[in-house]
Full PDB file with SEQRES, HELIX, SHEET, SSBOND, CRYST1, ORIGX, SCALE, CONECT and MASTER records, all heavy atoms in Angstrom:
SEQRES   1 A   41  ALA GLY ALA VAL GLU VAL PHE ASP VAL TYR SER THR ASP          
SEQRES   2 A   41  ASP LEU GLN GLY PHE LEU LYS ALA LYS SER ALA GLU GLY          
SEQRES   3 A   41  TRP GLU VAL VAL GLY THR VAL SER ARG PRO LYS ASP VAL          
SEQRES   4 A   41  GLU ASP                                                      
HELIX    1 AA1 ALA A    3  VAL A    6  1                                   4    
HELIX    2 AA2 LEU A   15  ALA A   24  1                                  10    
HELIX    3 AA3 PRO A   36  ASP A   38  5                                   3    
CRYST1    1.000    1.000    1.000  90.00  90.00  90.00 P 1           1          
ORIGX1      1.000000  0.000000  0.000000        0.00000                         
ORIGX2      0.000000  1.000000  0.000000        0.00000                         
ORIGX3      0.000000  0.000000  1.000000        0.00000                         
SCALE1      1.000000  0.000000  0.000000        0.00000                         
SCALE2      0.000000  1.000000  0.000000        0.00000                         
SCALE3      0.000000  0.000000  1.000000        0.00000                         
ATOM      1  N   ALA A   1     -20.446  26.485 -38.462  1.00  0.00           N  
ATOM      2  CA  ALA A   1     -19.952  27.482 -37.506  1.00  0.00           C  
ATOM      3  C   ALA A   1     -19.039  26.841 -36.463  1.00  0.00           C  
ATOM      4  O   ALA A   1     -18.994  27.261 -35.314  1.00  0.00           O  
ATOM      5  CB  ALA A   1     -21.106  28.217 -36.830  1.00  0.00           C  
ATOM      6  N   GLY A   2     -18.314  25.790 -36.881  1.00  0.00           N  
ATOM      7  CA  GLY A   2     -17.377  25.129 -35.986  1.00  0.00           C  
ATOM      8  C   GLY A   2     -17.972  24.001 -35.170  1.00  0.00           C  
ATOM      9  O   GLY A   2     -17.244  23.318 -34.444  1.00  0.00           O  
ATOM     10  N   ALA A   3     -19.282  23.770 -35.282  1.00  0.00           N  
ATOM     11  CA  ALA A   3     -19.906  22.714 -34.475  1.00  0.00           C  
ATOM     12  C   ALA A   3     -19.287  21.357 -34.762  1.00  0.00           C  
ATOM     13  O   ALA A   3     -19.123  20.529 -33.857  1.00  0.00           O  
ATOM     14  CB  ALA A   3     -21.420  22.670 -34.727  1.00  0.00           C  
ATOM     15  N   VAL A   4     -18.914  21.115 -36.022  1.00  0.00           N  
ATOM     16  CA  VAL A   4     -18.363  19.814 -36.389  1.00  0.00           C  
ATOM     17  C   VAL A   4     -17.033  19.543 -35.680  1.00  0.00           C  
ATOM     18  O   VAL A   4     -16.626  18.390 -35.535  1.00  0.00           O  
ATOM     19  CB  VAL A   4     -18.207  19.724 -37.925  1.00  0.00           C  
ATOM     20  CG1 VAL A   4     -17.077  20.605 -38.422  1.00  0.00           C  
ATOM     21  CG2 VAL A   4     -17.975  18.293 -38.364  1.00  0.00           C  
ATOM     22  N   GLU A   5     -16.370  20.609 -35.215  1.00  0.00           N  
ATOM     23  CA  GLU A   5     -15.102  20.437 -34.511  1.00  0.00           C  
ATOM     24  C   GLU A   5     -15.296  19.945 -33.076  1.00  0.00           C  
ATOM     25  O   GLU A   5     -14.364  19.433 -32.458  1.00  0.00           O  
ATOM     26  CB  GLU A   5     -14.320  21.757 -34.496  1.00  0.00           C  
ATOM     27  CG  GLU A   5     -14.143  22.416 -35.856  1.00  0.00           C  
ATOM     28  CD  GLU A   5     -13.214  21.660 -36.782  1.00  0.00           C  
ATOM     29  OE1 GLU A   5     -12.400  20.871 -36.272  1.00  0.00           O  
ATOM     30  OE2 GLU A   5     -13.296  21.854 -38.007  1.00  0.00           O  
ATOM     31  N   VAL A   6     -16.487  20.134 -32.528  1.00  0.00           N  
ATOM     32  CA  VAL A   6     -16.727  19.772 -31.120  1.00  0.00           C  
ATOM     33  C   VAL A   6     -17.850  18.753 -30.966  1.00  0.00           C  
ATOM     34  O   VAL A   6     -18.193  18.366 -29.848  1.00  0.00           O  
ATOM     35  CB  VAL A   6     -17.063  21.031 -30.280  1.00  0.00           C  
ATOM     36  CG1 VAL A   6     -15.887  21.982 -30.261  1.00  0.00           C  
ATOM     37  CG2 VAL A   6     -18.312  21.742 -30.807  1.00  0.00           C  
ATOM     38  N   PHE A   7     -18.425  18.313 -32.068  1.00  0.00           N  
ATOM     39  CA  PHE A   7     -19.596  17.448 -32.049  1.00  0.00           C  
ATOM     40  C   PHE A   7     -19.315  16.274 -32.975  1.00  0.00           C  
ATOM     41  O   PHE A   7     -19.279  16.435 -34.194  1.00  0.00           O  
ATOM     42  CB  PHE A   7     -20.813  18.250 -32.522  1.00  0.00           C  
ATOM     43  CG  PHE A   7     -22.142  17.588 -32.330  1.00  0.00           C  
ATOM     44  CD1 PHE A   7     -22.447  16.885 -31.179  1.00  0.00           C  
ATOM     45  CD2 PHE A   7     -23.124  17.712 -33.305  1.00  0.00           C  
ATOM     46  CE1 PHE A   7     -23.686  16.301 -31.004  1.00  0.00           C  
ATOM     47  CE2 PHE A   7     -24.378  17.135 -33.132  1.00  0.00           C  
ATOM     48  CZ  PHE A   7     -24.653  16.427 -31.983  1.00  0.00           C  
ATOM     49  N   ASP A   8     -19.087  15.084 -32.416  1.00  0.00           N  
ATOM     50  CA  ASP A   8     -18.752  13.920 -33.229  1.00  0.00           C  
ATOM     51  C   ASP A   8     -19.892  13.540 -34.170  1.00  0.00           C  
ATOM     52  O   ASP A   8     -21.068  13.616 -33.797  1.00  0.00           O  
ATOM     53  CB  ASP A   8     -18.423  12.723 -32.344  1.00  0.00           C  
ATOM     54  CG  ASP A   8     -17.097  12.884 -31.622  1.00  0.00           C  
ATOM     55  OD1 ASP A   8     -16.258  13.667 -32.091  1.00  0.00           O  
ATOM     56  OD2 ASP A   8     -16.915  12.226 -30.576  1.00  0.00           O  
ATOM     57  N   VAL A   9     -19.526  13.144 -35.382  1.00  0.00           N  
ATOM     58  CA  VAL A   9     -20.496  12.655 -36.358  1.00  0.00           C  
ATOM     59  C   VAL A   9     -20.146  11.202 -36.670  1.00  0.00           C  
ATOM     60  O   VAL A   9     -19.015  10.896 -37.052  1.00  0.00           O  
ATOM     61  CB  VAL A   9     -20.483  13.489 -37.652  1.00  0.00           C  
ATOM     62  CG1 VAL A   9     -21.591  13.032 -38.597  1.00  0.00           C  
ATOM     63  CG2 VAL A   9     -20.629  14.969 -37.334  1.00  0.00           C  
ATOM     64  N   TYR A  10     -21.111  10.310 -36.506  1.00  0.00           N  
ATOM     65  CA  TYR A  10     -20.890   8.876 -36.696  1.00  0.00           C  
ATOM     66  C   TYR A  10     -21.410   8.463 -38.072  1.00  0.00           C  
ATOM     67  O   TYR A  10     -22.188   9.185 -38.706  1.00  0.00           O  
ATOM     68  CB  TYR A  10     -21.592   8.089 -35.591  1.00  0.00           C  
ATOM     69  CG  TYR A  10     -21.014   8.361 -34.224  1.00  0.00           C  
ATOM     70  CD1 TYR A  10     -21.425   9.464 -33.475  1.00  0.00           C  
ATOM     71  CD2 TYR A  10     -20.032   7.535 -33.682  1.00  0.00           C  
ATOM     72  CE1 TYR A  10     -20.872   9.737 -32.232  1.00  0.00           C  
ATOM     73  CE2 TYR A  10     -19.483   7.791 -32.438  1.00  0.00           C  
ATOM     74  CZ  TYR A  10     -19.908   8.894 -31.718  1.00  0.00           C  
ATOM     75  OH  TYR A  10     -19.362   9.172 -30.488  1.00  0.00           O  
ATOM     76  N   SER A  11     -20.987   7.291 -38.521  1.00  0.00           N  
ATOM     77  CA  SER A  11     -21.456   6.811 -39.823  1.00  0.00           C  
ATOM     78  C   SER A  11     -21.812   5.341 -39.729  1.00  0.00           C  
ATOM     79  O   SER A  11     -21.355   4.615 -38.842  1.00  0.00           O  
ATOM     80  CB  SER A  11     -20.384   7.028 -40.900  1.00  0.00           C  
ATOM     81  OG  SER A  11     -19.274   6.187 -40.678  1.00  0.00           O  
ATOM     82  N   THR A  12     -22.655   4.915 -40.671  1.00  0.00           N  
ATOM     83  CA  THR A  12     -23.052   3.515 -40.754  1.00  0.00           C  
ATOM     84  C   THR A  12     -23.055   3.079 -42.209  1.00  0.00           C  
ATOM     85  O   THR A  12     -23.396   3.859 -43.105  1.00  0.00           O  
ATOM     86  CB  THR A  12     -24.442   3.288 -40.133  1.00  0.00           C  
ATOM     87  OG1 THR A  12     -24.807   1.919 -40.293  1.00  0.00           O  
ATOM     88  CG2 THR A  12     -25.507   4.156 -40.793  1.00  0.00           C  
ATOM     89  N   ASP A  13     -22.668   1.827 -42.425  1.00  0.00           N  
ATOM     90  CA  ASP A  13     -22.730   1.233 -43.768  1.00  0.00           C  
ATOM     91  C   ASP A  13     -24.034   0.492 -43.996  1.00  0.00           C  
ATOM     92  O   ASP A  13     -24.316   0.061 -45.115  1.00  0.00           O  
ATOM     93  CB  ASP A  13     -21.564   0.255 -43.967  1.00  0.00           C  
ATOM     94  CG  ASP A  13     -20.218   0.969 -44.010  1.00  0.00           C  
ATOM     95  OD1 ASP A  13     -20.132   2.018 -44.669  1.00  0.00           O  
ATOM     96  OD2 ASP A  13     -19.265   0.473 -43.391  1.00  0.00           O  
ATOM     97  N   ASP A  14     -24.822   0.308 -42.946  1.00  0.00           N  
ATOM     98  CA  ASP A  14     -26.061  -0.470 -43.042  1.00  0.00           C  
ATOM     99  C   ASP A  14     -27.162   0.283 -42.304  1.00  0.00           C  
ATOM    100  O   ASP A  14     -27.486  -0.028 -41.160  1.00  0.00           O  
ATOM    101  CB  ASP A  14     -25.848  -1.865 -42.436  1.00  0.00           C  
ATOM    102  CG  ASP A  14     -27.098  -2.740 -42.503  1.00  0.00           C  
ATOM    103  OD1 ASP A  14     -28.061  -2.360 -43.204  1.00  0.00           O  
ATOM    104  OD2 ASP A  14     -27.116  -3.789 -41.828  1.00  0.00           O  
ATOM    105  N   LEU A  15     -27.728   1.288 -42.962  1.00  0.00           N  
ATOM    106  CA  LEU A  15     -28.710   2.141 -42.299  1.00  0.00           C  
ATOM    107  C   LEU A  15     -29.952   1.361 -41.889  1.00  0.00           C  
ATOM    108  O   LEU A  15     -30.422   1.493 -40.757  1.00  0.00           O  
ATOM    109  CB  LEU A  15     -29.102   3.300 -43.224  1.00  0.00           C  
ATOM    110  CG  LEU A  15     -30.174   4.246 -42.667  1.00  0.00           C  
ATOM    111  CD1 LEU A  15     -29.744   4.838 -41.336  1.00  0.00           C  
ATOM    112  CD2 LEU A  15     -30.502   5.338 -43.672  1.00  0.00           C  
ATOM    113  N   GLN A  16     -30.487   0.537 -42.781  1.00  0.00           N  
ATOM    114  CA  GLN A  16     -31.706  -0.191 -42.444  1.00  0.00           C  
ATOM    115  C   GLN A  16     -31.473  -1.143 -41.270  1.00  0.00           C  
ATOM    116  O   GLN A  16     -32.303  -1.253 -40.375  1.00  0.00           O  
ATOM    117  CB  GLN A  16     -32.232  -0.958 -43.658  1.00  0.00           C  
ATOM    118  CG  GLN A  16     -32.888  -0.084 -44.715  1.00  0.00           C  
ATOM    119  CD  GLN A  16     -31.889   0.633 -45.590  1.00  0.00           C  
ATOM    120  OE1 GLN A  16     -30.893   0.040 -45.994  1.00  0.00           O  
ATOM    121  NE2 GLN A  16     -32.129   1.891 -45.894  1.00  0.00           N  
ATOM    122  N   GLY A  17     -30.330  -1.829 -41.262  1.00  0.00           N  
ATOM    123  CA  GLY A  17     -30.013  -2.721 -40.154  1.00  0.00           C  
ATOM    124  C   GLY A  17     -29.858  -1.962 -38.845  1.00  0.00           C  
ATOM    125  O   GLY A  17     -30.303  -2.426 -37.785  1.00  0.00           O  
ATOM    126  N   PHE A  18     -29.239  -0.795 -38.908  1.00  0.00           N  
ATOM    127  CA  PHE A  18     -29.060   0.047 -37.723  1.00  0.00           C  
ATOM    128  C   PHE A  18     -30.418   0.478 -37.159  1.00  0.00           C  
ATOM    129  O   PHE A  18     -30.672   0.382 -35.954  1.00  0.00           O  
ATOM    130  CB  PHE A  18     -28.211   1.265 -38.089  1.00  0.00           C  
ATOM    131  CG  PHE A  18     -28.232   2.368 -37.069  1.00  0.00           C  
ATOM    132  CD1 PHE A  18     -27.574   2.230 -35.850  1.00  0.00           C  
ATOM    133  CD2 PHE A  18     -28.905   3.554 -37.332  1.00  0.00           C  
ATOM    134  CE1 PHE A  18     -27.588   3.254 -34.915  1.00  0.00           C  
ATOM    135  CE2 PHE A  18     -28.930   4.576 -36.406  1.00  0.00           C  
ATOM    136  CZ  PHE A  18     -28.268   4.434 -35.194  1.00  0.00           C  
ATOM    137  N   LEU A  19     -31.308   0.945 -38.036  1.00  0.00           N  
ATOM    138  CA  LEU A  19     -32.628   1.396 -37.582  1.00  0.00           C  
ATOM    139  C   LEU A  19     -33.452   0.239 -37.028  1.00  0.00           C  
ATOM    140  O   LEU A  19     -34.156   0.396 -36.022  1.00  0.00           O  
ATOM    141  CB  LEU A  19     -33.372   2.077 -38.731  1.00  0.00           C  
ATOM    142  CG  LEU A  19     -32.746   3.373 -39.267  1.00  0.00           C  
ATOM    143  CD1 LEU A  19     -33.539   3.890 -40.451  1.00  0.00           C  
ATOM    144  CD2 LEU A  19     -32.643   4.433 -38.181  1.00  0.00           C  
ATOM    145  N   LYS A  20     -33.358  -0.924 -37.663  1.00  0.00           N  
ATOM    146  CA  LYS A  20     -34.093  -2.098 -37.175  1.00  0.00           C  
ATOM    147  C   LYS A  20     -33.606  -2.476 -35.776  1.00  0.00           C  
ATOM    148  O   LYS A  20     -34.416  -2.793 -34.890  1.00  0.00           O  
ATOM    149  CB  LYS A  20     -33.906  -3.260 -38.149  1.00  0.00           C  
ATOM    150  CG  LYS A  20     -34.696  -4.514 -37.772  1.00  0.00           C  
ATOM    151  CD  LYS A  20     -34.506  -5.619 -38.800  1.00  0.00           C  
ATOM    152  CE  LYS A  20     -35.149  -5.243 -40.126  1.00  0.00           C  
ATOM    153  NZ  LYS A  20     -35.119  -6.377 -41.106  1.00  0.00           N  
ATOM    154  N   ALA A  21     -32.291  -2.422 -35.554  1.00  0.00           N  
ATOM    155  CA  ALA A  21     -31.733  -2.772 -34.245  1.00  0.00           C  
ATOM    156  C   ALA A  21     -32.187  -1.781 -33.181  1.00  0.00           C  
ATOM    157  O   ALA A  21     -32.536  -2.174 -32.055  1.00  0.00           O  
ATOM    158  CB  ALA A  21     -30.209  -2.812 -34.320  1.00  0.00           C  
ATOM    159  N   LYS A  22     -32.217  -0.491 -33.516  1.00  0.00           N  
ATOM    160  CA  LYS A  22     -32.640   0.505 -32.524  1.00  0.00           C  
ATOM    161  C   LYS A  22     -34.132   0.361 -32.207  1.00  0.00           C  
ATOM    162  O   LYS A  22     -34.551   0.533 -31.057  1.00  0.00           O  
ATOM    163  CB  LYS A  22     -32.339   1.919 -33.019  1.00  0.00           C  
ATOM    164  CG  LYS A  22     -30.873   2.233 -33.263  1.00  0.00           C  
ATOM    165  CD  LYS A  22     -29.986   1.873 -32.094  1.00  0.00           C  
ATOM    166  CE  LYS A  22     -30.142   2.809 -30.910  1.00  0.00           C  
ATOM    167  NZ  LYS A  22     -29.198   2.478 -29.815  1.00  0.00           N  
ATOM    168  N   SER A  23     -34.937   0.030 -33.208  1.00  0.00           N  
ATOM    169  CA  SER A  23     -36.364  -0.216 -32.964  1.00  0.00           C  
ATOM    170  C   SER A  23     -36.542  -1.377 -31.989  1.00  0.00           C  
ATOM    171  O   SER A  23     -37.374  -1.326 -31.071  1.00  0.00           O  
ATOM    172  CB  SER A  23     -37.095  -0.512 -34.270  1.00  0.00           C  
ATOM    173  OG  SER A  23     -37.125   0.615 -35.111  1.00  0.00           O  
ATOM    174  N   ALA A  24     -35.743  -2.433 -32.177  1.00  0.00           N  
ATOM    175  CA  ALA A  24     -35.827  -3.599 -31.300  1.00  0.00           C  
ATOM    176  C   ALA A  24     -35.418  -3.256 -29.875  1.00  0.00           C  
ATOM    177  O   ALA A  24     -35.861  -3.899 -28.919  1.00  0.00           O  
ATOM    178  CB  ALA A  24     -34.948  -4.720 -31.846  1.00  0.00           C  
ATOM    179  N   GLU A  25     -34.586  -2.221 -29.713  1.00  0.00           N  
ATOM    180  CA  GLU A  25     -34.166  -1.777 -28.383  1.00  0.00           C  
ATOM    181  C   GLU A  25     -35.198  -0.861 -27.721  1.00  0.00           C  
ATOM    182  O   GLU A  25     -34.998  -0.418 -26.596  1.00  0.00           O  
ATOM    183  CB  GLU A  25     -32.828  -1.037 -28.478  1.00  0.00           C  
ATOM    184  CG  GLU A  25     -31.651  -1.916 -28.870  1.00  0.00           C  
ATOM    185  CD  GLU A  25     -30.387  -1.110 -29.093  1.00  0.00           C  
ATOM    186  OE1 GLU A  25     -30.347   0.076 -28.683  1.00  0.00           O  
ATOM    187  OE2 GLU A  25     -29.437  -1.649 -29.682  1.00  0.00           O  
ATOM    188  N   GLY A  26     -36.285  -0.544 -28.435  1.00  0.00           N  
ATOM    189  CA  GLY A  26     -37.323   0.294 -27.857  1.00  0.00           C  
ATOM    190  C   GLY A  26     -37.322   1.736 -28.311  1.00  0.00           C  
ATOM    191  O   GLY A  26     -38.094   2.560 -27.798  1.00  0.00           O  
ATOM    192  N   TRP A  27     -36.470   2.076 -29.270  1.00  0.00           N  
ATOM    193  CA  TRP A  27     -36.459   3.439 -29.798  1.00  0.00           C  
ATOM    194  C   TRP A  27     -37.597   3.617 -30.800  1.00  0.00           C  
ATOM    195  O   TRP A  27     -37.989   2.671 -31.489  1.00  0.00           O  
ATOM    196  CB  TRP A  27     -35.141   3.722 -30.504  1.00  0.00           C  
ATOM    197  CG  TRP A  27     -33.956   3.857 -29.586  1.00  0.00           C  
ATOM    198  CD1 TRP A  27     -33.445   2.899 -28.768  1.00  0.00           C  
ATOM    199  CD2 TRP A  27     -33.139   5.013 -29.419  1.00  0.00           C  
ATOM    200  NE1 TRP A  27     -32.357   3.379 -28.096  1.00  0.00           N  
ATOM    201  CE2 TRP A  27     -32.138   4.670 -28.475  1.00  0.00           C  
ATOM    202  CE3 TRP A  27     -33.132   6.288 -29.973  1.00  0.00           C  
ATOM    203  CZ2 TRP A  27     -31.155   5.577 -28.072  1.00  0.00           C  
ATOM    204  CZ3 TRP A  27     -32.151   7.191 -29.575  1.00  0.00           C  
ATOM    205  CH2 TRP A  27     -31.187   6.847 -28.641  1.00  0.00           C  
ATOM    206  N   GLU A  28     -38.104   4.833 -30.879  1.00  0.00           N  
ATOM    207  CA  GLU A  28     -39.064   5.174 -31.937  1.00  0.00           C  
ATOM    208  C   GLU A  28     -38.288   5.782 -33.093  1.00  0.00           C  
ATOM    209  O   GLU A  28     -37.516   6.729 -32.909  1.00  0.00           O  
ATOM    210  CB  GLU A  28     -40.123   6.152 -31.437  1.00  0.00           C  
ATOM    211  CG  GLU A  28     -41.143   6.480 -32.512  1.00  0.00           C  
ATOM    212  CD  GLU A  28     -42.406   7.113 -31.968  1.00  0.00           C  
ATOM    213  OE1 GLU A  28     -42.411   7.525 -30.797  1.00  0.00           O  
ATOM    214  OE2 GLU A  28     -43.388   7.196 -32.730  1.00  0.00           O  
ATOM    215  N   VAL A  29     -38.492   5.234 -34.286  1.00  0.00           N  
ATOM    216  CA  VAL A  29     -37.829   5.728 -35.487  1.00  0.00           C  
ATOM    217  C   VAL A  29     -38.856   6.487 -36.311  1.00  0.00           C  
ATOM    218  O   VAL A  29     -39.862   5.917 -36.743  1.00  0.00           O  
ATOM    219  CB  VAL A  29     -37.222   4.575 -36.306  1.00  0.00           C  
ATOM    220  CG1 VAL A  29     -36.571   5.108 -37.577  1.00  0.00           C  
ATOM    221  CG2 VAL A  29     -36.203   3.808 -35.469  1.00  0.00           C  
ATOM    222  N   VAL A  30     -38.617   7.784 -36.499  1.00  0.00           N  
ATOM    223  CA  VAL A  30     -39.558   8.606 -37.273  1.00  0.00           C  
ATOM    224  C   VAL A  30     -38.825   9.189 -38.475  1.00  0.00           C  
ATOM    225  O   VAL A  30     -37.714   9.709 -38.357  1.00  0.00           O  
ATOM    226  CB  VAL A  30     -40.190   9.727 -36.417  1.00  0.00           C  
ATOM    227  CG1 VAL A  30     -41.050   9.143 -35.327  1.00  0.00           C  
ATOM    228  CG2 VAL A  30     -39.144  10.644 -35.816  1.00  0.00           C  
ATOM    229  N   GLY A  31     -39.445   9.055 -39.624  1.00  0.00           N  
ATOM    230  CA  GLY A  31     -38.900   9.635 -40.835  1.00  0.00           C  
ATOM    231  C   GLY A  31     -39.471  11.021 -41.063  1.00  0.00           C  
ATOM    232  O   GLY A  31     -40.302  11.513 -40.301  1.00  0.00           O  
ATOM    233  N   THR A  32     -39.023  11.651 -42.113  1.00  0.00           N  
ATOM    234  CA  THR A  32     -39.497  12.985 -42.461  1.00  0.00           C  
ATOM    235  C   THR A  32     -39.865  13.001 -43.933  1.00  0.00           C  
ATOM    236  O   THR A  32     -39.216  12.353 -44.758  1.00  0.00           O  
ATOM    237  CB  THR A  32     -38.412  14.035 -42.190  1.00  0.00           C  
ATOM    238  OG1 THR A  32     -37.198  13.649 -42.849  1.00  0.00           O  
ATOM    239  CG2 THR A  32     -38.139  14.146 -40.698  1.00  0.00           C  
ATOM    240  N   VAL A  33     -40.903  13.755 -44.245  1.00  0.00           N  
ATOM    241  CA  VAL A  33     -41.401  13.783 -45.613  1.00  0.00           C  
ATOM    242  C   VAL A  33     -41.929  15.176 -45.924  1.00  0.00           C  
ATOM    243  O   VAL A  33     -42.557  15.816 -45.076  1.00  0.00           O  
ATOM    244  CB  VAL A  33     -42.506  12.724 -45.816  1.00  0.00           C  
ATOM    245  CG1 VAL A  33     -43.692  12.964 -44.908  1.00  0.00           C  
ATOM    246  CG2 VAL A  33     -42.937  12.645 -47.264  1.00  0.00           C  
ATOM    247  N   SER A  34     -41.653  15.668 -47.129  1.00  0.00           N  
ATOM    248  CA  SER A  34     -42.152  16.985 -47.516  1.00  0.00           C  
ATOM    249  C   SER A  34     -43.479  16.884 -48.244  1.00  0.00           C  
ATOM    250  O   SER A  34     -44.284  17.817 -48.216  1.00  0.00           O  
ATOM    251  CB  SER A  34     -41.118  17.704 -48.399  1.00  0.00           C  
ATOM    252  OG  SER A  34     -40.833  16.946 -49.563  1.00  0.00           O  
ATOM    253  N   ARG A  35     -43.715  15.734 -48.894  1.00  0.00           N  
ATOM    254  CA  ARG A  35     -44.971  15.554 -49.635  1.00  0.00           C  
ATOM    255  C   ARG A  35     -45.657  14.292 -49.113  1.00  0.00           C  
ATOM    256  O   ARG A  35     -45.337  13.176 -49.549  1.00  0.00           O  
ATOM    257  CB  ARG A  35     -44.686  15.423 -51.136  1.00  0.00           C  
ATOM    258  CG  ARG A  35     -43.921  16.606 -51.717  1.00  0.00           C  
ATOM    259  CD  ARG A  35     -43.524  16.360 -53.164  1.00  0.00           C  
ATOM    260  NE  ARG A  35     -42.702  17.428 -53.689  1.00  0.00           N  
ATOM    261  CZ  ARG A  35     -41.380  17.483 -53.573  1.00  0.00           C  
ATOM    262  NH1 ARG A  35     -40.736  16.490 -52.958  1.00  0.00           N  
ATOM    263  NH2 ARG A  35     -40.706  18.493 -54.081  1.00  0.00           N  
ATOM    264  N   PRO A  36     -46.606  14.424 -48.177  1.00  0.00           N  
ATOM    265  CA  PRO A  36     -47.225  13.242 -47.548  1.00  0.00           C  
ATOM    266  C   PRO A  36     -47.820  12.256 -48.537  1.00  0.00           C  
ATOM    267  O   PRO A  36     -47.840  11.051 -48.278  1.00  0.00           O  
ATOM    268  CB  PRO A  36     -48.298  13.858 -46.649  1.00  0.00           C  
ATOM    269  CG  PRO A  36     -47.775  15.223 -46.317  1.00  0.00           C  
ATOM    270  CD  PRO A  36     -47.059  15.686 -47.564  1.00  0.00           C  
ATOM    271  N   LYS A  37     -48.275  12.726 -49.690  1.00  0.00           N  
ATOM    272  CA  LYS A  37     -48.894  11.808 -50.662  1.00  0.00           C  
ATOM    273  C   LYS A  37     -47.890  10.825 -51.261  1.00  0.00           C  
ATOM    274  O   LYS A  37     -48.279   9.815 -51.859  1.00  0.00           O  
ATOM    275  CB  LYS A  37     -49.562  12.607 -51.781  1.00  0.00           C  
ATOM    276  CG  LYS A  37     -48.612  13.424 -52.638  1.00  0.00           C  
ATOM    277  CD  LYS A  37     -49.365  14.178 -53.717  1.00  0.00           C  
ATOM    278  CE  LYS A  37     -48.432  14.995 -54.609  1.00  0.00           C  
ATOM    279  NZ  LYS A  37     -47.742  16.075 -53.885  1.00  0.00           N  
ATOM    280  N   ASP A  38     -46.577  11.125 -51.084  1.00  0.00           N  
ATOM    281  CA  ASP A  38     -45.553  10.237 -51.644  1.00  0.00           C  
ATOM    282  C   ASP A  38     -45.258   9.039 -50.751  1.00  0.00           C  
ATOM    283  O   ASP A  38     -44.463   8.179 -51.123  1.00  0.00           O  
ATOM    284  CB  ASP A  38     -44.242  11.012 -51.863  1.00  0.00           C  
ATOM    285  CG  ASP A  38     -44.379  12.077 -52.945  1.00  0.00           C  
ATOM    286  OD1 ASP A  38     -45.370  12.015 -53.701  1.00  0.00           O  
ATOM    287  OD2 ASP A  38     -43.512  12.958 -53.026  1.00  0.00           O  
ATOM    288  N   VAL A  39     -45.866   8.972 -49.568  1.00  0.00           N  
ATOM    289  CA  VAL A  39     -45.541   7.927 -48.597  1.00  0.00           C  
ATOM    290  C   VAL A  39     -46.598   6.836 -48.636  1.00  0.00           C  
ATOM    291  O   VAL A  39     -47.798   7.109 -48.663  1.00  0.00           O  
ATOM    292  CB  VAL A  39     -45.458   8.515 -47.167  1.00  0.00           C  
ATOM    293  CG1 VAL A  39     -45.152   7.426 -46.153  1.00  0.00           C  
ATOM    294  CG2 VAL A  39     -44.395   9.595 -47.118  1.00  0.00           C  
ATOM    295  N   GLU A  40     -46.134   5.584 -48.622  1.00  0.00           N  
ATOM    296  CA  GLU A  40     -47.050   4.447 -48.586  1.00  0.00           C  
ATOM    297  C   GLU A  40     -46.741   3.582 -47.366  1.00  0.00           C  
ATOM    298  O   GLU A  40     -45.575   3.403 -46.999  1.00  0.00           O  
ATOM    299  CB  GLU A  40     -46.904   3.600 -49.857  1.00  0.00           C  
ATOM    300  CG  GLU A  40     -47.261   4.356 -51.140  1.00  0.00           C  
ATOM    301  CD  GLU A  40     -47.116   3.476 -52.364  1.00  0.00           C  
ATOM    302  OE1 GLU A  40     -46.928   2.256 -52.193  1.00  0.00           O  
ATOM    303  OE2 GLU A  40     -47.182   4.004 -53.486  1.00  0.00           O  
ATOM    304  N   ASP A  41     -47.785   3.056 -46.742  1.00  0.00           N  
ATOM    305  CA  ASP A  41     -47.673   2.040 -45.685  1.00  0.00           C  
ATOM    306  C   ASP A  41     -47.093   2.553 -44.370  1.00  0.00           C  
ATOM    307  O   ASP A  41     -46.883   1.769 -43.447  1.00  0.00           O  
ATOM    308  CB  ASP A  41     -46.832   0.839 -46.157  1.00  0.00           C  
ATOM    309  CG  ASP A  41     -47.426   0.172 -47.393  1.00  0.00           C  
ATOM    310  OD1 ASP A  41     -48.665   0.129 -47.486  1.00  0.00           O  
ATOM    311  OD2 ASP A  41     -46.660  -0.276 -48.247  1.00  0.00           O  
TER     312      ASP A  41                                                      
MASTER        0    0    0    3    0    0    0    6  311    1    0    4          
END                                                                             
């Protein structure tokens, strides 16, 4: 509905490295899952 025209979208080539860096900065990283039994650890 035009949101992409006024809302910047960023990209990363190294998602795991990006998330690890943000965790080290004190951010909480939460994933999402539709079937909880599929998640380990």
